[in-house]
Amino acid sequence: MAFQSNLQSYVAAAAIVRGDRLKFSAGAITVEPAGATDASVGTAKSDAAIGDVLQCVMHTPGHVVEVRAAGAFAVGATLYGAAAGEVDDAVNAGTDRFHALQASTAADEVVSAFIPFVGA
């Protein structure tokens, strides 16, 4: 496994699944799954229950992260935020964007995705 310098540890404010897009919780430095149009700050490296400490891969343009699929999509698809911290190829008004490096054949699959540079 490659060394990742963009890891941060946070306390889970809700149940979290590996690959979930995460956002900061209101009023505390805790994280929870991001909604479909929420801007996320990173993705979860592992599952976590409320109160657990988990590692978050902070979103950095040009890096690859693991994301959890809301459904099927092809390699190369542009991915957008979906409900419950997932990603999908259905366009929405949110700001999160990824490019699928692996295909997903079903919901809840964890796949690799590239974070594009702004405007890419």
C-alpha atoms as a PDB file:
ATOM      1  CA  MET A   1       0.000   0.000   0.000  1.00  0.00           C
ATOM      2  CA  ALA A   2       1.266   3.459  -0.891  1.00  0.00           C
ATOM      3  CA  PHE A   3       2.035   6.062   1.756  1.00  0.00           C
ATOM      4  CA  GLN A   4      -0.654   8.710   2.041  1.00  0.00           C
ATOM      5  CA  SER A   5       0.301  12.066   3.532  1.00  0.00           C
ATOM      6  CA  ASN A   6      -3.223  13.435   3.300  1.00  0.00           C
ATOM      7  CA  LEU A   7      -4.666  11.375   6.190  1.00  0.00           C
ATOM      8  CA  GLN A   8      -6.348  13.007   9.176  1.00  0.00           C
ATOM      9  CA  SER A   9      -8.076  11.428  12.179  1.00  0.00           C
ATOM     10  CA  TYR A  10     -11.568  12.497  13.255  1.00  0.00           C
ATOM     11  CA  VAL A  11     -14.325  11.283  15.549  1.00  0.00           C
ATOM     12  CA  ALA A  12     -17.408   9.871  13.821  1.00  0.00           C
ATOM     13  CA  ALA A  13     -20.620  11.800  14.605  1.00  0.00           C
ATOM     14  CA  ALA A  14     -22.691   9.137  12.796  1.00  0.00           C
ATOM     15  CA  ALA A  15     -22.239   5.602  11.490  1.00  0.00           C
ATOM     16  CA  ILE A  16     -19.733   5.685   8.618  1.00  0.00           C
ATOM     17  CA  VAL A  17     -18.921   3.102   5.950  1.00  0.00           C
ATOM     18  CA  ARG A  18     -15.532   2.729   4.229  1.00  0.00           C
ATOM     19  CA  GLY A  19     -15.484   4.906   1.114  1.00  0.00           C
ATOM     20  CA  ASP A  20     -18.140   7.354   2.346  1.00  0.00           C
ATOM     21  CA  ARG A  21     -17.651  10.988   1.367  1.00  0.00           C
ATOM     22  CA  LEU A  22     -17.387  12.891   4.651  1.00  0.00           C
ATOM     23  CA  LYS A  23     -18.307  16.382   5.777  1.00  0.00           C
ATOM     24  CA  PHE A  24     -17.656  18.155   9.050  1.00  0.00           C
ATOM     25  CA  SER A  25     -20.532  18.006  11.526  1.00  0.00           C
ATOM     26  CA  ALA A  26     -22.085  21.251  12.720  1.00  0.00           C
ATOM     27  CA  GLY A  27     -20.528  22.727  15.841  1.00  0.00           C
ATOM     28  CA  ALA A  28     -17.746  20.187  16.327  1.00  0.00           C
ATOM     29  CA  ILE A  29     -14.669  18.749  14.689  1.00  0.00           C
ATOM     30  CA  THR A  30     -16.360  15.472  13.944  1.00  0.00           C
ATOM     31  CA  VAL A  31     -17.355  13.972  10.607  1.00  0.00           C
ATOM     32  CA  GLU A  32     -20.446  12.355   9.146  1.00  0.00           C
ATOM     33  CA  PRO A  33     -21.513  11.109   5.699  1.00  0.00           C
ATOM     34  CA  ALA A  34     -22.059  13.929   3.202  1.00  0.00           C
ATOM     35  CA  GLY A  35     -25.417  14.360   1.490  1.00  0.00           C
ATOM     36  CA  ALA A  36     -25.879  14.429  -2.267  1.00  0.00           C
ATOM     37  CA  THR A  37     -25.141  18.148  -2.687  1.00  0.00           C
ATOM     38  CA  ASP A  38     -22.874  18.632   0.349  1.00  0.00           C
ATOM     39  CA  ALA A  39     -19.245  19.539  -0.291  1.00  0.00           C
ATOM     40  CA  SER A  40     -17.156  16.761   1.217  1.00  0.00           C
ATOM     41  CA  VAL A  41     -13.744  17.151   2.835  1.00  0.00           C
ATOM     42  CA  GLY A  42     -12.537  13.582   2.468  1.00  0.00           C
ATOM     43  CA  THR A  43     -13.408   9.892   2.360  1.00  0.00           C
ATOM     44  CA  ALA A  44     -13.447   7.256   5.100  1.00  0.00           C
ATOM     45  CA  LYS A  45     -10.611   4.694   5.191  1.00  0.00           C
ATOM     46  CA  SER A  46     -12.744   2.260   7.243  1.00  0.00           C
ATOM     47  CA  ASP A  47     -16.127   1.677   8.835  1.00  0.00           C
ATOM     48  CA  ALA A  48     -16.793   3.561  12.088  1.00  0.00           C
ATOM     49  CA  ALA A  49     -19.540   3.677  14.695  1.00  0.00           C
ATOM     50  CA  ILE A  50     -20.608   6.877  16.463  1.00  0.00           C
ATOM     51  CA  GLY A  51     -17.748   8.023  18.699  1.00  0.00           C
ATOM     52  CA  ASP A  52     -15.059   5.954  16.958  1.00  0.00           C
ATOM     53  CA  VAL A  53     -11.889   7.619  15.708  1.00  0.00           C
ATOM     54  CA  LEU A  54     -11.372   7.025  11.997  1.00  0.00           C
ATOM     55  CA  GLN A  55      -8.893   8.050   9.350  1.00  0.00           C
ATOM     56  CA  CYS A  56     -10.115  10.369   6.638  1.00  0.00           C
ATOM     57  CA  VAL A  57      -8.324  10.697   3.301  1.00  0.00           C
ATOM     58  CA  MET A  58      -8.564  14.432   2.732  1.00  0.00           C
ATOM     59  CA  HIS A  59      -9.685  15.440  -0.775  1.00  0.00           C
ATOM     60  CA  THR A  60      -6.739  16.781  -2.715  1.00  0.00           C
ATOM     61  CA  PRO A  61      -7.010  17.460  -6.467  1.00  0.00           C
ATOM     62  CA  GLY A  62      -4.868  15.060  -8.454  1.00  0.00           C
ATOM     63  CA  HIS A  63      -5.121  12.261  -5.879  1.00  0.00           C
ATOM     64  CA  VAL A  64      -6.925   8.935  -5.974  1.00  0.00           C
ATOM     65  CA  VAL A  65      -9.427   7.993  -3.261  1.00  0.00           C
ATOM     66  CA  GLU A  66     -11.744   5.081  -2.593  1.00  0.00           C
ATOM     67  CA  VAL A  67     -15.442   5.959  -2.841  1.00  0.00           C
ATOM     68  CA  ARG A  68     -18.634   3.989  -2.182  1.00  0.00           C
ATOM     69  CA  ALA A  69     -20.971   3.609  -5.168  1.00  0.00           C
ATOM     70  CA  ALA A  70     -24.703   4.312  -5.057  1.00  0.00           C
ATOM     71  CA  GLY A  71     -25.187   2.139  -8.160  1.00  0.00           C
ATOM     72  CA  ALA A  72     -23.582   0.907 -11.351  1.00  0.00           C
ATOM     73  CA  PHE A  73     -21.309   3.092 -13.503  1.00  0.00           C
ATOM     74  CA  ALA A  74     -18.528   2.618 -16.049  1.00  0.00           C
ATOM     75  CA  VAL A  75     -14.800   3.247 -15.882  1.00  0.00           C
ATOM     76  CA  GLY A  76     -14.160   6.881 -16.777  1.00  0.00           C
ATOM     77  CA  ALA A  77     -17.594   8.086 -15.667  1.00  0.00           C
ATOM     78  CA  THR A  78     -17.796  11.484 -14.019  1.00  0.00           C
ATOM     79  CA  LEU A  79     -19.099  10.865 -10.513  1.00  0.00           C
ATOM     80  CA  TYR A  80     -21.101  13.230  -8.331  1.00  0.00           C
ATOM     81  CA  GLY A  81     -22.119  13.179  -4.687  1.00  0.00           C
ATOM     82  CA  ALA A  82     -25.092  10.965  -3.855  1.00  0.00           C
ATOM     83  CA  ALA A  83     -27.083  10.440  -0.654  1.00  0.00           C
ATOM     84  CA  ALA A  84     -25.512   8.875   2.450  1.00  0.00           C
ATOM     85  CA  GLY A  85     -21.918   9.656   1.461  1.00  0.00           C
ATOM     86  CA  GLU A  86     -22.012   7.673  -1.781  1.00  0.00           C
ATOM     87  CA  VAL A  87     -21.191   8.669  -5.385  1.00  0.00           C
ATOM     88  CA  ASP A  88     -23.081   8.127  -8.634  1.00  0.00           C
ATOM     89  CA  ASP A  89     -22.947   9.190 -12.262  1.00  0.00           C
ATOM     90  CA  ALA A  90     -26.271  11.047 -11.945  1.00  0.00           C
ATOM     91  CA  VAL A  91     -25.598  14.780 -12.323  1.00  0.00           C
ATOM     92  CA  ASN A  92     -26.610  17.017  -9.402  1.00  0.00           C
ATOM     93  CA  ALA A  93     -26.076  20.596  -8.212  1.00  0.00           C
ATOM     94  CA  GLY A  94     -23.358  19.670  -5.686  1.00  0.00           C
ATOM     95  CA  THR A  95     -19.688  20.563  -6.033  1.00  0.00           C
ATOM     96  CA  ASP A  96     -18.136  17.099  -5.531  1.00  0.00           C
ATOM     97  CA  ARG A  97     -16.664  15.590  -8.698  1.00  0.00           C
ATOM     98  CA  PHE A  98     -14.631  12.423  -9.244  1.00  0.00           C
ATOM     99  CA  HIS A  99     -13.587  10.329 -12.255  1.00  0.00           C
ATOM    100  CA  ALA A 100     -14.139   6.582 -11.917  1.00  0.00           C
ATOM    101  CA  LEU A 101     -10.945   4.529 -12.269  1.00  0.00           C
ATOM    102  CA  GLN A 102     -12.917   1.319 -11.732  1.00  0.00           C
ATOM    103  CA  ALA A 103     -16.420   0.306 -12.762  1.00  0.00           C
ATOM    104  CA  SER A 104     -19.142  -0.360 -10.218  1.00  0.00           C
ATOM    105  CA  THR A 105     -21.676  -3.089 -10.900  1.00  0.00           C
ATOM    106  CA  ALA A 106     -23.878  -2.522  -7.836  1.00  0.00           C
ATOM    107  CA  ALA A 107     -24.580  -0.222  -4.894  1.00  0.00           C
ATOM    108  CA  ASP A 108     -22.163  -0.238  -1.943  1.00  0.00           C
ATOM    109  CA  GLU A 109     -19.119  -1.283  -3.985  1.00  0.00           C
ATOM    110  CA  VAL A 110     -15.945   0.584  -3.015  1.00  0.00           C
ATOM    111  CA  VAL A 111     -13.971   1.686  -6.082  1.00  0.00           C
ATOM    112  CA  SER A 112     -11.042   3.954  -6.874  1.00  0.00           C
ATOM    113  CA  ALA A 113     -11.714   7.433  -8.227  1.00  0.00           C
ATOM    114  CA  PHE A 114      -9.532  10.368  -9.256  1.00  0.00           C
ATOM    115  CA  ILE A 115     -10.186  13.851  -7.851  1.00  0.00           C
ATOM    116  CA  PRO A 116      -9.884  16.274 -10.782  1.00  0.00           C
ATOM    117  CA  PHE A 117      -8.338  19.708 -10.571  1.00  0.00           C
ATOM    118  CA  VAL A 118     -10.833  22.590 -10.338  1.00  0.00           C
ATOM    119  CA  GLY A 119     -12.378  23.266 -13.718  1.00  0.00           C
ATOM    120  CA  ALA A 120     -11.291  19.865 -15.122  1.00  0.00           C
END
